[in-house]
Protein backbone atom coordinates (compact mmCIF):
# COMPACT_ATOMS: atom_id res chain seq x y z
CA MET A 1 -23.69 198.21 -85.49
CA PHE A 2 -26.96 198.15 -87.40
CA SER A 3 -29.44 201.01 -87.31
CA GLU A 4 -33.17 200.44 -86.68
CA PRO A 5 -35.49 200.38 -88.48
CA LEU A 6 -34.53 199.89 -92.13
CA PRO A 7 -36.89 201.54 -94.62
CA ALA A 8 -38.75 199.60 -97.30
CA ASN A 9 -36.98 199.24 -100.63
CA VAL A 10 -37.72 200.99 -103.87
CA ILE A 11 -37.03 198.70 -106.80
CA SER A 12 -36.12 200.72 -109.86
CA THR A 13 -35.41 198.18 -112.61
CA GLN A 14 -37.44 195.69 -114.66
CA VAL A 15 -40.79 195.97 -112.91
CA ILE A 16 -43.70 194.90 -115.12
CA ASP A 17 -47.40 195.15 -114.39
CA ALA A 18 -49.99 192.43 -115.05
CA ASN A 19 -50.72 193.84 -118.50
CA GLY A 20 -47.07 193.62 -119.54
CA ARG A 21 -46.42 197.37 -119.14
CA GLN A 22 -43.16 198.51 -117.61
CA LEU A 23 -43.76 200.73 -114.58
CA SER A 24 -41.82 203.95 -114.26
CA HIS A 25 -39.44 204.61 -111.38
CA ALA A 26 -41.95 207.12 -110.00
CA ALA A 27 -44.75 204.58 -110.07
CA THR A 28 -42.75 201.96 -108.24
CA SER A 29 -41.56 204.52 -105.71
CA LYS A 30 -45.15 205.59 -105.02
CA LEU A 31 -46.15 202.01 -104.35
CA GLY A 32 -43.13 201.34 -102.15
CA HIS A 33 -42.79 198.27 -104.39
CA GLN A 34 -40.79 195.19 -103.55
CA PHE A 35 -40.58 192.19 -105.81
CA PRO A 36 -43.76 190.12 -105.48
CA TYR A 37 -42.95 186.68 -104.18
CA LEU A 38 -44.67 183.85 -106.01
CA GLY A 39 -48.25 184.65 -105.15
CA ASP A 40 -50.85 182.31 -106.67
CA GLY A 41 -51.74 184.91 -109.29
CA LEU A 42 -48.22 184.89 -110.73
CA GLN A 43 -48.90 181.54 -112.35
CA ASN A 44 -51.64 183.21 -114.38
CA ALA A 45 -49.11 185.60 -115.92
CA SER A 46 -47.39 182.90 -117.97
CA THR A 47 -48.53 184.49 -121.24
CA HIS A 48 -46.22 187.46 -120.54
CA ASP A 49 -42.44 187.60 -120.55
CA PRO A 50 -41.38 184.88 -118.06
CA ALA A 51 -38.01 186.54 -117.44
CA ARG A 52 -39.51 189.52 -115.68
CA VAL A 53 -41.25 190.21 -112.40
CA TYR A 54 -44.99 190.82 -112.54
CA HIS A 55 -46.70 193.42 -110.41
CA ARG A 56 -50.45 192.90 -110.12
CA ASP A 57 -51.93 195.36 -107.64
CA SER A 58 -50.84 196.90 -104.37
CA SER A 59 -52.92 194.49 -102.25
CA ASP A 60 -50.86 191.56 -103.58
CA ILE A 61 -47.45 193.07 -102.88
CA THR A 62 -45.40 191.14 -100.33
CA THR A 63 -42.14 192.08 -98.65
CA ASP A 64 -40.38 188.72 -98.60
CA THR A 65 -37.15 190.16 -99.98
CA VAL A 66 -34.13 191.83 -98.43
CA ARG A 67 -34.66 195.39 -97.28
CA ILE A 68 -31.78 197.70 -98.21
CA SER A 69 -30.86 201.14 -96.91
CA PRO A 70 -30.26 203.49 -98.59
CA SER A 71 -32.43 201.99 -101.30
CA ASP A 72 -31.05 204.24 -104.05
CA ALA A 73 -27.48 203.02 -103.43
CA VAL A 74 -28.25 199.83 -105.38
CA THR A 75 -30.00 198.58 -108.48
CA ARG A 76 -32.05 195.39 -108.33
CA ARG A 77 -33.09 192.84 -110.95
CA ALA A 78 -35.12 189.72 -110.32
CA VAL A 79 -36.74 186.77 -112.04
CA VAL A 80 -39.46 184.57 -110.63
CA CYS A 81 -39.35 180.82 -111.14
CA ARG A 82 -41.60 178.13 -109.71
CA GLY A 83 -40.99 178.29 -105.97
CA VAL A 84 -37.83 180.41 -106.28
CA THR A 85 -37.16 184.11 -106.82
CA ALA A 86 -33.62 185.12 -107.82
CA GLU A 87 -32.41 188.68 -107.43
CA ILE A 88 -29.19 190.55 -108.25
CA VAL A 89 -28.35 193.56 -106.08
CA GLN A 90 -25.63 195.79 -107.53
CA ALA A 91 -24.14 198.68 -105.53
CA VAL A 92 -23.85 201.85 -107.62
CA ARG A 93 -21.77 203.96 -105.23
CA PRO A 94 -19.47 203.27 -102.25
CA ASP A 95 -21.95 204.17 -99.50
CA ARG A 96 -22.45 202.38 -96.24
CA ILE A 97 -25.20 199.93 -97.16
CA GLU A 98 -27.33 197.96 -94.70
CA TYR A 99 -29.32 194.82 -95.45
CA CYS A 100 -32.07 193.29 -93.34
CA PHE A 101 -34.24 190.21 -93.81
CA CYS A 102 -36.66 188.09 -91.80
CA ALA A 103 -39.50 186.36 -93.64
CA PRO A 104 -41.34 183.02 -93.93
CA VAL A 105 -39.12 182.03 -96.88
CA HIS A 106 -35.60 180.58 -97.02
CA MET A 107 -32.85 182.78 -98.44
CA LEU A 108 -29.48 181.99 -100.01
CA VAL A 109 -26.88 184.74 -100.48
CA LEU A 110 -24.07 184.51 -103.04
CA TYR A 111 -21.39 187.20 -102.75
CA GLU A 112 -20.09 187.77 -106.28
CA GLN A 113 -18.17 191.03 -105.91
CA GLY A 114 -17.31 193.55 -103.23
CA VAL A 115 -14.84 194.18 -100.42
CA ARG A 116 -15.70 196.13 -97.30
CA ASP A 117 -13.49 198.28 -95.07
CA ASP A 118 -15.92 197.95 -92.19
CA GLY A 119 -19.19 196.24 -91.34
CA GLU A 120 -20.53 192.99 -89.98
CA THR A 121 -22.86 190.15 -90.84
CA SER A 122 -25.22 188.36 -88.49
CA VAL A 123 -27.57 185.42 -88.93
CA GLN A 124 -29.82 184.32 -86.10
CA GLY A 125 -28.26 181.36 -84.32
CA LEU A 126 -24.70 182.05 -85.52
CA ARG A 127 -21.79 184.22 -84.36
CA ARG A 128 -21.41 187.59 -86.02
CA SER A 129 -18.69 187.99 -88.62
CA THR A 130 -16.63 190.98 -89.75
CA LEU A 131 -15.07 189.21 -92.74
CA ARG A 132 -13.81 191.91 -95.11
CA ASP A 133 -13.71 189.91 -98.36
CA PRO A 134 -16.72 187.57 -98.72
CA ARG A 135 -16.34 187.08 -102.48
CA ASN A 136 -17.40 183.66 -103.78
CA LYS A 137 -18.83 182.69 -100.41
CA LEU A 138 -22.41 181.74 -99.50
CA THR A 139 -24.76 182.45 -96.61
CA PHE A 140 -27.98 180.54 -95.96
CA VAL A 141 -30.82 182.00 -93.87
CA PRO A 142 -33.71 179.62 -93.02
CA ALA A 143 -37.27 180.90 -92.96
CA ASP A 144 -38.16 183.13 -90.00
CA HIS A 145 -34.49 183.72 -89.11
CA THR A 146 -33.11 187.26 -88.90
CA TYR A 147 -30.30 188.31 -91.23
CA ARG A 148 -28.50 191.63 -91.00
CA GLU A 149 -25.49 192.89 -92.87
CA SER A 150 -23.66 196.20 -93.22
CA HIS A 151 -20.98 197.09 -95.76
CA GLU A 152 -18.71 200.12 -95.70
CA LEU A 153 -17.60 199.44 -99.24
CA ARG A 154 -14.07 199.60 -100.55
CA ALA A 155 -15.08 198.02 -103.87
CA LEU A 156 -18.62 198.04 -105.29
CA SER A 157 -20.55 194.93 -104.38
CA ARG A 158 -22.72 192.60 -106.42
CA ILE A 159 -24.78 190.17 -104.37
CA ALA A 160 -27.24 187.55 -105.58
CA TYR A 161 -30.20 186.61 -103.36
CA PHE A 162 -32.35 183.52 -103.84
CA TYR A 163 -35.68 183.21 -102.02
CA PHE A 164 -37.27 179.76 -101.63
CA ASP A 165 -40.94 179.17 -100.88
CA PRO A 166 -40.96 176.36 -98.24
CA VAL A 167 -44.32 175.13 -99.55
CA LYS A 168 -43.36 175.00 -103.23
CA THR A 169 -39.82 173.69 -102.83
CA SER A 170 -38.56 170.56 -101.07
CA LEU A 171 -35.83 172.42 -99.19
CA GLN A 172 -35.53 170.94 -95.72
CA GLY A 173 -32.83 169.79 -93.36
CA ASN A 174 -31.70 166.34 -92.32
CA LYS A 175 -34.55 163.87 -91.62
CA GLY A 176 -37.17 166.46 -92.53
CA SER A 177 -36.08 168.99 -89.90
CA ALA A 178 -35.75 172.72 -90.48
CA PRO A 179 -32.61 173.58 -92.49
CA THR A 180 -29.57 174.87 -90.61
CA PRO A 181 -28.34 178.48 -90.91
CA ARG A 182 -24.86 178.88 -92.40
CA MET A 183 -22.64 181.89 -92.84
CA TYR A 184 -19.76 182.40 -95.30
CA PHE A 185 -19.44 178.79 -96.38
CA GLU A 186 -18.25 177.37 -99.68
CA ASN A 187 -19.91 174.66 -101.74
CA ALA A 188 -19.00 174.21 -105.40
CA ALA A 189 -22.28 172.54 -106.41
CA VAL A 190 -24.48 175.23 -104.84
CA SER A 191 -22.34 178.10 -106.15
CA ASP A 192 -22.23 176.80 -109.70
CA THR A 193 -25.98 176.19 -109.90
CA ALA A 194 -26.67 179.64 -108.40
CA ARG A 195 -24.36 181.29 -110.94
CA LYS A 196 -26.03 179.47 -113.82
CA LEU A 197 -29.41 180.72 -112.63
CA ILE A 198 -28.41 184.38 -112.46
CA SER A 199 -26.51 184.16 -115.75
CA SER A 200 -29.82 183.23 -117.42
CA PHE A 201 -31.42 186.59 -116.56
CA ASP A 202 -30.79 188.16 -119.96
CA SER A 203 -32.75 185.69 -122.07
CA ALA A 204 -36.55 185.72 -122.03
CA SER A 205 -37.18 182.75 -124.33
CA GLU A 206 -39.56 180.01 -123.24
CA ASP A 207 -36.76 177.44 -123.34
CA ASN A 208 -34.66 179.59 -121.06
CA HIS A 209 -37.61 180.03 -118.71
CA LEU A 210 -37.89 176.24 -118.39
CA TYR A 211 -34.14 176.04 -117.88
CA ARG A 212 -34.36 178.61 -115.06
CA GLU A 213 -37.14 176.66 -113.36
CA ALA A 214 -35.06 173.49 -113.61
CA LEU A 215 -32.09 175.29 -112.08
CA GLY A 216 -34.29 176.52 -109.24
CA VAL A 217 -35.36 172.95 -108.48
CA VAL A 218 -31.77 171.71 -108.53
CA LEU A 219 -30.56 174.61 -106.36
CA ALA A 220 -33.19 173.83 -103.72
CA HIS A 221 -32.17 170.16 -103.89
CA GLU A 222 -28.47 171.00 -103.43
CA LEU A 223 -29.22 173.21 -100.43
CA GLY A 224 -31.33 170.45 -98.89
CA CYS A 225 -28.38 168.08 -99.20
CA LEU A 226 -26.09 170.30 -97.12
CA ASP A 227 -27.46 169.08 -93.79
CA SER A 228 -27.27 165.43 -94.83
CA THR A 229 -23.49 165.57 -95.06
CA LYS A 230 -20.86 166.71 -92.66
CA ALA A 231 -20.31 170.46 -92.88
CA PRO A 232 -16.96 171.34 -94.45
CA VAL A 233 -14.18 172.55 -92.20
CA GLN A 234 -13.82 176.29 -92.64
CA THR A 235 -10.28 176.57 -91.37
CA LEU A 236 -7.35 176.63 -93.78
CA ILE A 237 -5.80 173.21 -94.26
CA ARG A 238 -2.02 173.35 -94.31
CA GLY A 239 -0.46 171.98 -97.47
CA GLY A 240 -3.47 172.72 -99.67
CA LEU A 241 -3.52 174.73 -102.87
CA ALA A 242 -3.27 178.49 -102.77
CA ALA A 243 -6.46 180.39 -103.61
CA TRP A 244 -5.29 181.20 -107.16
CA GLN A 245 -4.31 177.57 -107.72
CA GLN A 246 -7.76 176.41 -106.61
CA ARG A 247 -9.44 178.87 -108.98
CA VAL A 248 -7.26 177.93 -111.95
CA SER A 249 -7.59 174.17 -111.53
CA ALA A 250 -11.34 174.28 -110.80
CA ALA A 251 -11.98 176.60 -113.77
CA TYR A 252 -10.02 174.35 -116.13
CA ILE A 253 -12.00 171.31 -115.01
CA GLU A 254 -15.30 173.19 -115.53
CA GLU A 255 -14.28 174.18 -119.05
CA HIS A 256 -13.27 170.62 -119.98
CA LEU A 257 -15.92 168.53 -118.23
CA ALA A 258 -16.56 166.36 -121.28
CA GLU A 259 -12.86 165.62 -121.82
CA GLN A 260 -10.30 163.38 -120.18
CA ILE A 261 -7.97 165.61 -118.15
CA SER A 262 -4.52 164.38 -117.21
CA LEU A 263 -2.99 165.00 -113.82
CA LYS A 264 0.09 166.40 -115.57
CA THR A 265 -1.99 169.05 -117.34
CA LEU A 266 -3.58 170.32 -114.12
CA ALA A 267 -0.27 170.22 -112.22
CA ARG A 268 1.46 172.22 -114.94
CA LEU A 269 -1.25 174.91 -114.80
CA VAL A 270 -0.52 175.59 -111.12
CA ARG A 271 3.26 175.02 -111.35
CA LEU A 272 3.47 171.91 -109.18
CA SER A 273 4.64 168.36 -109.71
CA PRO A 274 1.81 165.84 -110.27
CA TYR A 275 2.51 164.24 -106.89
CA HIS A 276 2.38 167.47 -104.90
CA PHE A 277 -0.58 168.77 -106.89
CA CYS A 278 -2.65 165.64 -106.27
CA ARG A 279 -1.97 165.75 -102.54
CA ALA A 280 -2.63 169.50 -102.26
CA PHE A 281 -5.79 169.28 -104.40
CA LYS A 282 -7.24 166.58 -102.15
CA GLN A 283 -6.53 168.68 -99.05
CA SER A 284 -8.21 171.73 -100.60
CA PHE A 285 -11.24 170.07 -102.24
CA GLY A 286 -11.69 167.01 -100.04
CA MET A 287 -11.24 164.55 -102.93
CA PRO A 288 -8.69 163.68 -105.63
CA PRO A 289 -8.81 165.57 -108.95
CA ASN A 290 -10.33 162.69 -110.92
CA ARG A 291 -13.15 162.27 -108.41
CA TYR A 292 -13.78 166.02 -108.38
CA HIS A 293 -13.96 165.97 -112.18
CA THR A 294 -16.56 163.21 -112.06
CA SER A 295 -18.56 164.98 -109.34
CA ARG A 296 -18.74 168.15 -111.44
CA ARG A 297 -19.98 166.10 -114.40
CA ILE A 298 -22.71 164.64 -112.19
CA GLU A 299 -23.76 168.08 -110.93
CA LEU A 300 -24.13 169.30 -114.50
CA ALA A 301 -26.02 166.11 -115.35
CA LYS A 302 -28.53 166.92 -112.58
CA ILE A 303 -29.23 170.30 -114.15
CA LEU A 304 -29.63 168.83 -117.64
CA LEU A 305 -31.87 166.04 -116.34
CA ALA A 306 -34.19 168.64 -114.82
CA LYS A 307 -35.24 169.75 -118.30
CA PRO A 308 -38.59 168.25 -119.39
CA THR A 309 -37.17 166.88 -122.66
CA ALA A 310 -34.03 165.39 -121.13
CA SER A 311 -32.47 162.41 -122.93
CA VAL A 312 -30.23 160.24 -120.78
CA THR A 313 -28.23 159.07 -123.79
CA GLU A 314 -27.62 162.60 -125.11
CA ILE A 315 -26.66 163.93 -121.68
CA GLY A 316 -24.19 161.09 -121.17
CA LEU A 317 -22.54 161.79 -124.53
CA THR A 318 -22.50 165.55 -123.84
CA LEU A 319 -20.63 164.92 -120.60
CA GLY A 320 -18.05 162.68 -122.23
CA PHE A 321 -19.37 159.24 -121.28
CA SER A 322 -18.88 156.85 -124.20
CA GLN A 323 -21.81 154.64 -123.21
CA THR A 324 -25.16 155.23 -121.51
CA SER A 325 -24.42 152.36 -119.12
CA SER A 326 -21.21 153.98 -117.85
CA PHE A 327 -23.01 157.30 -117.36
CA SER A 328 -25.87 155.59 -115.49
CA ALA A 329 -23.44 153.71 -113.27
CA ALA A 330 -21.46 156.84 -112.39
CA PHE A 331 -24.64 158.81 -111.71
CA ARG A 332 -26.04 156.08 -109.49
CA ARG A 333 -22.80 155.78 -107.49
CA ALA A 334 -22.87 159.53 -106.84
CA THR A 335 -26.58 160.06 -106.13
CA GLY A 336 -28.19 156.70 -105.37
CA PHE A 337 -30.54 157.22 -108.34
CA THR A 338 -30.40 156.19 -111.95
CA PRO A 339 -30.57 159.20 -114.32
CA THR A 340 -34.08 158.18 -115.38
CA SER A 341 -35.43 157.87 -111.83
CA TYR A 342 -33.80 161.20 -110.88
CA HIS A 343 -35.47 162.87 -113.88
CA ARG A 344 -38.87 161.44 -112.88
CA SER A 345 -38.47 162.53 -109.26
CA LEU A 346 -38.02 166.15 -110.36
CA GLY A 347 -41.17 165.98 -112.48
């Protein structure tokens, strides 16, 4: 069970003040600092390093991030984009770690690493879960919903948190309603965009800053689409690919998005006949391999189109479409928008 109350966090890494000075661990501890969440003044800090979090003064500090106890059992890094804050929480020792969150912002959790021997997860409105191995799964907590989690770690965890400002992002549920809470679900589009965002932490260039902001917009869009489609069945489908076969085939497709991939090549990778592979792939991913390949191209196209200088022709060629017309047709079939209209809608 969870203990009450959880203490405020102490963030010990990459905290920068409004003058661009890095605060010491002691200074952040004294302030009881948590990452500031997209206050209006943050937009005035654009002349500083956009890859870092800006601390202005104690009166502006908010607590719209996960609280963690004990706070010194983890390290935390964050970047602030327009409407979205992304944070990586890395366990540094195998303690029992507790997480707590309830705030007027939406939160997405991506479990990258970590296995627990004991513990539970709860999200307001859903049943509690004691899943031991949440790796590669997602949890979504709508604004003003309570999230609690405890991990008695067997393997050190690495968890990514994404906080969405409801005012500055268009994240909402079906027909404009409040988004639905979800626990330990899988969605390739959301996971891939989230991973791209956190993998951009280490570059502070202006181009990368724009790329991060574009990824934040796309991630909010992908989350908003979850309620407009039928939720995926979480139970294991008999006859589908094994977990390692899913990883191998999906990874190969990601690495060769711009190429034509034969069914024989994918089947050989997972040691199945083309016939059995195609049937098992469809049961595991909900669509045939060729359609999955196209859908992943379209998801990458969405990210590239979010860049201010996006060129439809160049993006189509990058993704392996021989003609702009074929790229536009495929994009429209998948999204209902032409690439140009999608690009303008994000602007």
